[in-house]
Amino acid sequence: MPLDHKTPDADPIRIETDIDGILTLRLRGELTSAVLREAAERLVAAGHGTRVNGVLFETSDTSIAYDIADIVSAIELIMEELSPRRCAHVSHGERTRPYMVMESTARAFAVKLQPFACEDEARAWLLQR
């Protein structure tokens, strides 16, 4: 195999937890309904049995290949099971419609959701008391 052969990431879903009770969901590549469903289920499993203060969704390196109902279903599962205080969505500025769907779905669960272009700003906002 040539040294310049590009291979896709092994897993388009990465979940991180931190000491402040923030779960970070990092998504890469094409976001299909199957990827969204699996990401939501894995995020819920990672937060099970712990206090979740906030969720950070990082989708800067993704492309959309899902229906609106798929994102609503994923966000509803996360909100129902984890009950975070706040959520932050870090992405590029071209995601107005998906963000609006995420925000309205989170609002139904009394969860604040804000968009950000910078992960540091998003994390600082999540940590506000």
Protein backbone atom coordinates (compact mmCIF):
# COMPACT_ATOMS: atom_id res chain seq x y z
CA MET A 1 0.00 0.00 0.00
CA PRO A 2 1.42 3.42 -0.89
CA LEU A 3 2.28 5.74 1.97
CA ASP A 4 -0.15 8.41 0.74
CA HIS A 5 -3.18 6.09 0.76
CA LYS A 6 -5.99 7.78 2.70
CA THR A 7 -8.20 5.59 4.85
CA PRO A 8 -11.40 6.72 6.59
CA ASP A 9 -11.54 7.12 10.35
CA ALA A 10 -12.21 3.82 12.08
CA ASP A 11 -15.11 5.29 14.00
CA PRO A 12 -17.04 8.42 13.00
CA ILE A 13 -18.38 8.68 16.58
CA ARG A 14 -16.16 9.68 19.49
CA ILE A 15 -17.42 10.34 23.01
CA GLU A 16 -15.41 12.04 25.74
CA THR A 17 -16.27 12.67 29.37
CA ASP A 18 -14.67 15.12 31.77
CA ILE A 19 -14.54 15.86 35.47
CA ASP A 20 -16.98 18.79 35.13
CA GLY A 21 -19.82 16.52 34.01
CA ILE A 22 -19.63 17.47 30.33
CA LEU A 23 -20.12 14.78 27.71
CA THR A 24 -18.62 15.61 24.33
CA LEU A 25 -19.92 13.92 21.20
CA ARG A 26 -17.58 14.34 18.22
CA LEU A 27 -18.92 13.28 14.86
CA ARG A 28 -16.97 13.00 11.60
CA GLY A 29 -17.92 12.16 8.03
CA GLU A 30 -21.38 11.58 6.63
CA LEU A 31 -24.17 11.81 9.20
CA THR A 32 -26.74 9.20 8.26
CA SER A 33 -29.77 8.18 10.28
CA ALA A 34 -27.87 5.07 11.44
CA VAL A 35 -24.89 7.15 12.61
CA LEU A 36 -27.16 9.57 14.50
CA ARG A 37 -29.05 6.73 16.18
CA GLU A 38 -25.84 4.96 17.20
CA ALA A 39 -24.27 8.22 18.42
CA ALA A 40 -27.29 9.01 20.62
CA GLU A 41 -27.35 5.48 22.06
CA ARG A 42 -23.61 5.52 22.78
CA LEU A 43 -23.80 8.97 24.36
CA VAL A 44 -26.65 7.85 26.63
CA ALA A 45 -24.67 4.74 27.61
CA ALA A 46 -21.60 6.87 28.40
CA GLY A 47 -23.66 9.16 30.65
CA HIS A 48 -25.65 6.41 32.35
CA GLY A 49 -25.31 6.53 36.12
CA THR A 50 -23.49 9.88 36.21
CA ARG A 51 -24.58 13.47 36.59
CA VAL A 52 -24.46 15.18 33.20
CA ASN A 53 -24.20 18.96 33.48
CA GLY A 54 -23.82 19.61 29.78
CA VAL A 55 -23.45 18.02 26.37
CA LEU A 56 -21.17 19.38 23.66
CA PHE A 57 -21.99 18.31 20.09
CA GLU A 58 -19.03 18.84 17.73
CA THR A 59 -19.98 18.40 14.07
CA SER A 60 -17.55 20.66 12.20
CA ASP A 61 -16.23 17.89 9.92
CA THR A 62 -19.52 16.34 8.88
CA SER A 63 -21.93 16.32 5.98
CA ILE A 64 -25.69 15.87 6.31
CA ALA A 65 -27.29 12.67 4.99
CA TYR A 66 -30.25 12.33 7.35
CA ASP A 67 -33.88 13.42 7.55
CA ILE A 68 -35.02 16.03 10.08
CA ALA A 69 -36.99 13.32 11.93
CA ASP A 70 -33.70 11.48 12.53
CA ILE A 71 -32.06 14.43 14.32
CA VAL A 72 -35.23 15.04 16.35
CA SER A 73 -35.31 11.40 17.46
CA ALA A 74 -31.62 11.45 18.45
CA ILE A 75 -31.93 14.70 20.42
CA GLU A 76 -35.11 13.49 22.16
CA LEU A 77 -33.36 10.31 23.29
CA ILE A 78 -30.40 12.28 24.66
CA MET A 79 -32.61 14.81 26.48
CA GLU A 80 -34.94 12.16 27.94
CA GLU A 81 -32.16 9.91 29.21
CA LEU A 82 -29.45 12.38 30.27
CA SER A 83 -31.38 15.52 31.29
CA PRO A 84 -28.45 17.92 30.81
CA ARG A 85 -28.71 21.54 31.98
CA ARG A 86 -27.22 22.91 28.78
CA CYS A 87 -26.05 21.77 25.37
CA ALA A 88 -23.63 23.44 22.98
CA HIS A 89 -23.35 22.77 19.26
CA VAL A 90 -19.97 23.49 17.65
CA SER A 91 -20.06 23.57 13.87
CA HIS A 92 -19.44 25.76 10.87
CA GLY A 93 -21.90 28.55 10.14
CA GLU A 94 -23.79 26.73 7.39
CA ARG A 95 -25.86 24.63 9.81
CA THR A 96 -28.70 27.02 10.60
CA ARG A 97 -31.59 24.63 9.92
CA PRO A 98 -30.18 21.60 11.84
CA TYR A 99 -29.34 23.90 14.75
CA MET A 100 -32.88 25.33 14.80
CA VAL A 101 -34.32 21.79 14.90
CA MET A 102 -31.93 20.81 17.70
CA GLU A 103 -32.74 23.96 19.66
CA SER A 104 -36.51 23.57 19.44
CA THR A 105 -36.29 19.89 20.40
CA ALA A 106 -34.06 20.68 23.41
CA ARG A 107 -36.34 23.54 24.47
CA ALA A 108 -39.24 21.08 24.78
CA PHE A 109 -37.16 19.42 27.54
CA ALA A 110 -36.30 22.79 29.18
CA VAL A 111 -32.68 22.50 28.04
CA LYS A 112 -30.78 25.50 26.70
CA LEU A 113 -28.86 24.89 23.47
CA GLN A 114 -26.46 27.42 21.94
CA PRO A 115 -24.45 27.35 18.69
CA PHE A 116 -20.72 28.08 18.69
CA ALA A 117 -17.90 28.26 16.17
CA CYS A 118 -15.24 27.76 18.87
CA GLU A 119 -15.09 24.78 21.22
CA ASP A 120 -13.37 26.77 23.99
CA GLU A 121 -16.24 29.28 24.05
CA ALA A 122 -18.79 26.46 24.02
CA ARG A 123 -17.11 24.72 26.95
CA ALA A 124 -16.93 27.97 28.94
CA TRP A 125 -20.66 28.55 28.35
CA LEU A 126 -21.49 24.99 29.44
CA LEU A 127 -19.56 25.50 32.70
CA GLN A 128 -21.40 28.68 33.72
CA ARG A 129 -23.41 28.20 36.89
